[in-house]
């Protein structure tokens, strides 16, 4: 989420960014990555804290995409580019709430464990 938020604050258009829920196959665990797709390209770049190199999606065969979303829509995906749009973002209440708080400048601090 931090990468997505930072890129949005730097002026990267929402339609160029997606958060992807994927399975990291080598680790056998679920994971989130951000993809950036420049205008007039089909193959987005993957920003992932498990791999320090920014690689095109076509080279990330270690990730199994499940779904992706941004501030405007939700997609089901079998690959890191494209996918079937299944909803607008109104169905993602947590994302909608997060965006509203970001726009209002009222992002909540993380919850800390109480003793």
Foldseek 3Di string as FASTA:
>chain_A
DVVLVVCVVVPQDQVQKKWWFKQQQVVRHIDIWMWGHDPPDFWTWIGGPVDNDTDTQVPPPRIQTAWMDTQFFIFGDRGPGDGHTDGTCVVVVVRPVQVVCVVVVNHDDDDDDDD
